[in-house]
Protein backbone atom coordinates (compact mmCIF):
# COMPACT_ATOMS: atom_id res chain seq x y z
CA UNK A 1 0.05 0.20 0.33
CA UNK A 2 2.94 2.50 0.42
CA UNK A 3 3.89 1.73 -2.44
CA UNK A 4 1.01 2.70 -4.74
CA UNK A 5 0.94 6.11 -2.49
CA UNK A 6 4.14 7.03 -3.95
CA UNK A 7 3.55 5.91 -7.26
CA UNK A 8 0.43 8.24 -7.15
CA UNK A 9 2.48 11.02 -5.23
CA UNK A 10 4.87 11.43 -8.85
CA UNK A 11 2.11 11.20 -10.60
CA UNK A 12 -0.07 14.25 -9.28
CA UNK A 13 3.64 16.34 -8.98
CA UNK A 14 3.94 15.21 -12.43
CA UNK A 15 0.64 16.61 -13.43
CA UNK A 16 -0.56 18.85 -10.65
CA UNK A 17 2.78 21.18 -10.77
CA UNK A 18 1.74 23.44 -14.02
CA UNK A 19 -1.81 24.14 -12.55
CA UNK A 20 -1.14 25.02 -9.13
CA UNK A 21 -2.41 28.41 -8.05
CA UNK A 22 -3.55 30.18 -5.39
CA UNK A 23 -6.12 32.64 -4.37
CA UNK A 24 -5.77 33.44 -1.00
CA UNK A 25 -4.89 30.65 0.78
CA UNK A 26 -6.82 28.88 -1.22
CA UNK A 27 -5.10 26.31 -2.99
CA UNK A 28 -6.42 25.27 -6.65
CA UNK A 29 -6.22 22.04 -8.81
CA UNK A 30 -7.75 22.26 -12.18
CA UNK A 31 -5.66 18.67 -13.28
CA UNK A 32 -5.25 15.53 -11.78
CA UNK A 33 -3.46 12.56 -13.45
CA UNK A 34 -3.75 9.08 -11.45
CA UNK A 35 -2.95 7.10 -14.55
CA UNK A 36 -1.04 3.18 -14.41
CA UNK A 37 -1.33 3.66 -10.54
CA UNK A 38 -3.00 -0.15 -10.20
CA UNK A 39 -6.04 1.94 -8.47
CA UNK A 40 -9.69 -0.31 -7.52
CA UNK A 41 -11.63 2.99 -7.52
CA UNK A 42 -11.32 6.60 -7.68
CA UNK A 43 -9.02 8.12 -4.96
CA UNK A 44 -11.19 10.07 -2.82
CA UNK A 45 -8.31 13.73 -2.32
CA UNK A 46 -9.86 13.83 -5.86
CA UNK A 47 -13.19 15.29 -4.16
CA UNK A 48 -11.10 18.07 -2.35
CA UNK A 49 -10.78 19.51 -5.90
CA UNK A 50 -14.30 19.33 -6.52
CA UNK A 51 -15.13 23.09 -7.28
CA UNK A 52 -11.75 23.59 -9.61
CA UNK A 53 -11.00 20.09 -11.08
CA UNK A 54 -11.31 20.55 -15.07
CA UNK A 55 -9.33 17.11 -15.91
CA UNK A 56 -8.78 13.84 -14.49
CA UNK A 57 -7.43 11.16 -16.09
CA UNK A 58 -7.27 7.71 -14.66
CA UNK A 59 -6.10 5.39 -17.50
CA UNK A 60 -5.28 2.51 -17.27
CA UNK A 61 -6.26 0.83 -13.57
CA UNK A 62 -9.11 -1.42 -12.61
CA UNK A 63 -11.92 0.96 -11.35
CA UNK A 64 -15.35 -0.48 -11.42
CA UNK A 65 -17.06 2.00 -11.14
CA UNK A 66 -17.47 5.79 -10.66
CA UNK A 67 -19.02 7.21 -6.91
CA UNK A 68 -21.19 9.72 -7.15
CA UNK A 69 -19.02 11.97 -5.26
CA UNK A 70 -17.62 12.68 -8.55
CA UNK A 71 -20.43 14.14 -10.72
CA UNK A 72 -20.01 16.58 -8.23
CA UNK A 73 -17.52 18.33 -9.67
CA UNK A 74 -19.30 20.42 -12.38
CA UNK A 75 -16.62 22.37 -13.70
CA UNK A 76 -14.85 18.62 -14.66
CA UNK A 77 -14.29 19.09 -18.64
CA UNK A 78 -12.42 16.36 -19.30
CA UNK A 79 -13.14 12.68 -17.99
CA UNK A 80 -10.33 9.96 -19.16
CA UNK A 81 -10.94 6.34 -18.11
CA UNK A 82 -9.78 4.25 -20.91
CA UNK A 83 -8.77 0.59 -20.24
CA UNK A 84 -10.71 -0.53 -16.95
CA UNK A 85 -13.71 -2.71 -15.74
CA UNK A 86 -16.62 -0.12 -15.84
CA UNK A 87 -19.68 -2.06 -16.66
CA UNK A 88 -21.88 0.94 -16.88
CA UNK A 89 -22.19 4.63 -16.80
CA UNK A 90 -23.84 6.26 -14.53
CA UNK A 91 -27.28 8.42 -14.76
CA UNK A 92 -25.82 11.38 -12.45
CA UNK A 93 -23.07 11.88 -15.61
CA UNK A 94 -25.53 14.43 -16.85
CA UNK A 95 -24.18 17.03 -13.90
CA UNK A 96 -21.55 17.25 -15.91
CA UNK A 97 -23.10 20.01 -18.04
CA UNK A 98 -19.67 21.59 -18.52
CA UNK A 99 -18.27 17.98 -20.08
CA UNK A 100 -16.44 18.25 -23.97
CA UNK A 101 -14.15 15.08 -23.33
CA UNK A 102 -15.21 11.64 -22.43
CA UNK A 103 -13.15 8.78 -22.82
CA UNK A 104 -14.63 5.53 -21.77
CA UNK A 105 -13.06 3.55 -24.25
CA UNK A 106 -11.36 -0.24 -23.68
CA UNK A 107 -14.29 -1.23 -20.80
CA UNK A 108 -17.26 -2.78 -19.78
CA UNK A 109 -19.55 -0.23 -20.58
CA UNK A 110 -22.83 -2.01 -22.56
CA UNK A 111 -24.83 1.06 -22.63
CA UNK A 112 -25.19 5.18 -22.33
CA UNK A 113 -27.26 6.57 -20.18
CA UNK A 114 -31.01 8.00 -22.06
CA UNK A 115 -29.93 11.38 -20.22
CA UNK A 116 -26.21 11.76 -21.34
CA UNK A 117 -28.18 14.37 -23.60
CA UNK A 118 -27.91 16.73 -20.65
CA UNK A 119 -24.29 16.80 -21.43
CA UNK A 120 -24.86 19.34 -24.10
CA UNK A 121 -21.27 20.87 -24.21
CA UNK A 122 -19.60 17.21 -25.50
CA UNK A 123 -17.52 17.89 -28.49
CA UNK A 124 -15.33 14.06 -28.20
CA UNK A 125 -16.74 10.86 -26.94
CA UNK A 126 -14.30 7.52 -27.27
CA UNK A 127 -16.23 4.48 -26.09
CA UNK A 128 -14.11 1.93 -28.18
CA UNK A 129 -14.19 -1.23 -27.52
CA UNK A 130 -17.01 -1.38 -25.58
CA UNK A 131 -20.32 -4.33 -25.68
CA UNK A 132 -22.33 -1.40 -26.56
CA UNK A 133 -25.16 -2.55 -28.90
CA UNK A 134 -27.56 0.51 -29.25
CA UNK A 135 -27.11 4.06 -28.87
CA UNK A 136 -30.59 6.58 -26.75
CA UNK A 137 -32.89 8.73 -28.44
CA UNK A 138 -30.85 11.15 -26.24
CA UNK A 139 -27.28 10.50 -27.66
CA UNK A 140 -28.84 12.88 -31.16
CA UNK A 141 -29.29 15.70 -28.55
CA UNK A 142 -25.25 16.35 -28.34
CA UNK A 143 -25.83 19.23 -31.12
CA UNK A 144 -21.51 20.07 -30.25
CA UNK A 145 -20.41 16.76 -30.89
CA UNK A 146 -17.21 16.92 -33.20
CA UNK A 147 -15.46 13.07 -33.09
CA UNK A 148 -16.69 9.92 -31.78
CA UNK A 149 -15.41 6.94 -31.85
CA UNK A 150 -17.61 3.66 -31.37
CA UNK A 151 -14.86 1.61 -33.30
CA UNK A 152 -15.35 -2.75 -32.11
CA UNK A 153 -18.36 -2.61 -30.31
CA UNK A 154 -21.61 -4.57 -30.80
CA UNK A 155 -23.61 -1.27 -32.61
CA UNK A 156 -27.12 -2.96 -34.80
CA UNK A 157 -27.85 0.20 -35.79
CA UNK A 158 -28.11 3.81 -35.20
CA UNK A 159 -31.00 6.22 -33.95
CA UNK A 160 -33.23 7.57 -36.92
CA UNK A 161 -32.48 10.84 -36.29
CA UNK A 162 -28.66 10.42 -35.99
CA UNK A 163 -28.00 13.23 -38.73
CA UNK A 164 -29.04 15.66 -35.87
CA UNK A 165 -25.92 15.30 -35.54
CA UNK A 166 -24.11 18.01 -38.08
CA UNK A 167 -21.21 18.75 -36.11
CA UNK A 168 -19.25 15.62 -36.99
CA UNK A 169 -16.46 16.17 -38.58
CA UNK A 170 -14.54 12.30 -37.21
CA UNK A 171 -17.11 9.31 -37.10
CA UNK A 172 -15.59 5.13 -36.68
CA UNK A 173 -17.85 2.96 -36.49
CA UNK A 174 -15.82 0.01 -37.40
CA UNK A 175 -15.53 -3.44 -36.92
CA UNK A 176 -19.57 -3.50 -35.43
CA UNK A 177 -22.38 -5.43 -36.41
CA UNK A 178 -24.61 -2.75 -38.71
CA UNK A 179 -26.70 -4.26 -41.47
CA UNK A 180 -28.12 -0.46 -43.06
CA UNK A 181 -27.79 3.43 -41.98
CA UNK A 182 -30.57 5.68 -41.47
CA UNK A 183 -31.95 8.18 -44.21
CA UNK A 184 -30.83 10.75 -41.77
CA UNK A 185 -26.82 10.36 -42.55
CA UNK A 186 -26.67 12.68 -45.90
CA UNK A 187 -27.04 15.97 -43.20
CA UNK A 188 -23.73 15.48 -42.00
CA UNK A 189 -22.00 17.76 -44.59
CA UNK A 190 -19.25 18.31 -42.25
CA UNK A 191 -17.48 14.71 -42.42
CA UNK A 192 -14.03 15.03 -42.77
CA UNK A 193 -13.32 11.18 -41.83
CA UNK A 194 -15.60 8.37 -41.88
CA UNK A 195 -14.40 4.83 -40.98
CA UNK A 196 -17.26 2.22 -41.61
CA UNK A 197 -14.98 -0.68 -41.90
CA UNK A 198 -15.82 -4.17 -40.82
CA UNK A 199 -19.28 -3.89 -40.69
CA UNK A 200 -22.17 -6.32 -42.48
CA UNK A 201 -23.54 -4.35 -45.18
CA UNK A 202 -25.48 -5.41 -47.57
CA UNK A 203 -25.82 -2.48 -50.26
CA UNK A 204 -23.13 -0.23 -50.70
CA UNK A 205 -23.09 2.37 -48.14
CA UNK A 206 -22.24 5.17 -50.69
CA UNK A 207 -26.31 4.67 -51.70
CA UNK A 208 -27.49 5.43 -48.18
CA UNK A 209 -25.57 8.32 -47.43
CA UNK A 210 -25.49 10.63 -50.25
């Protein structure tokens, strides 16, 4: 346990020093990095900075669930927790109204909660390598989304109004079980990169899009 604490401290020193500032006697922390620390849960000291924390990195640990206290960090703009053991994304994520980037790739998440729609500032979602079979209708209310990565999942279809995500520039959906695309896809006029490789389309994808 002592070794783990020392490792965590080294991580904190490496990422926190550039982000420290003082307001009177109050210390403000905006970035925390606990990547590769063999953690099984989110460190409690994270919640000491719930008013100022803007970026949290928990990459490559063994975290199975996200605690409710985490969603009190309403200043959070980036939450990175790839390569962990998450099985779900709590509905309390709706509290993170300022969240812009979310990375939950390489977990066991099966679905997005319907109220992900409340995270209206989201611009980037990386959710590849999760057993996600469908997206909720609320997902199409993330109108600021510019990048979506959902490779190597179990997607069988996209919501009919997926084309509402008109700001999408990068859309990666390779290695899924998609057979068709919604007609609304033609509205994604700002797409710069589209990857649909290794799906189960029965007709030319270009006919579905254009």
